[in-house]
Amino acid sequence: MIVSIVSAFISTIGFSIVFHIQKKHLLICGTVGALGWAIYLLLERMGASTVLASFVAALVVTQASYFLSKRRKTPITVFLIAGIIPLVPGLGLYRTMFAILESNYSSAIEYATLTFEIAGVIAGAIVIISLLPLLWRKPRR
């Protein structure tokens, strides 16, 4: 589990470099990605489904990114895009395409369904956390 979390940290920093994130933010981006992956792994070990674990991890990554963006006066996307990378269901996409190439369409549909569910809950978590500050504001008259 530790090796996996460290790998998520390093890969998040790698993607941050590819996205041209400033050097002063690289370690924080890596930490956000590792935090999300650690929560995902912890929830899966506790018996949660992959979809639920992805949702909760994406909620935490989005909230951490929101907090860090305010604290460091940086756009939220700097931390959010890099932090979400470990949660993206790349293996599911690969398995879906491989099953299609093997003409195993029933497996392809299973993998595609799970992949789209995970992608959907990640997007949903981002939307939920992004809308919370709007709901807490007092309406203007």
Foldseek 3Di string as FASTA:
>chain_A
DVVVLVVQLVVLLVVLVVVVQDPVCSNVLSVLQSQLVVQLVVVVVVPDDNLVSLLVSLLSSLVSLVVVCVVVVHDSCSNNVSNCVVQQPPVLVVQLVVCVVVVVNVSNVVSVVVNVSSVVSSVVSNVVVVCVVVVPDDDDD
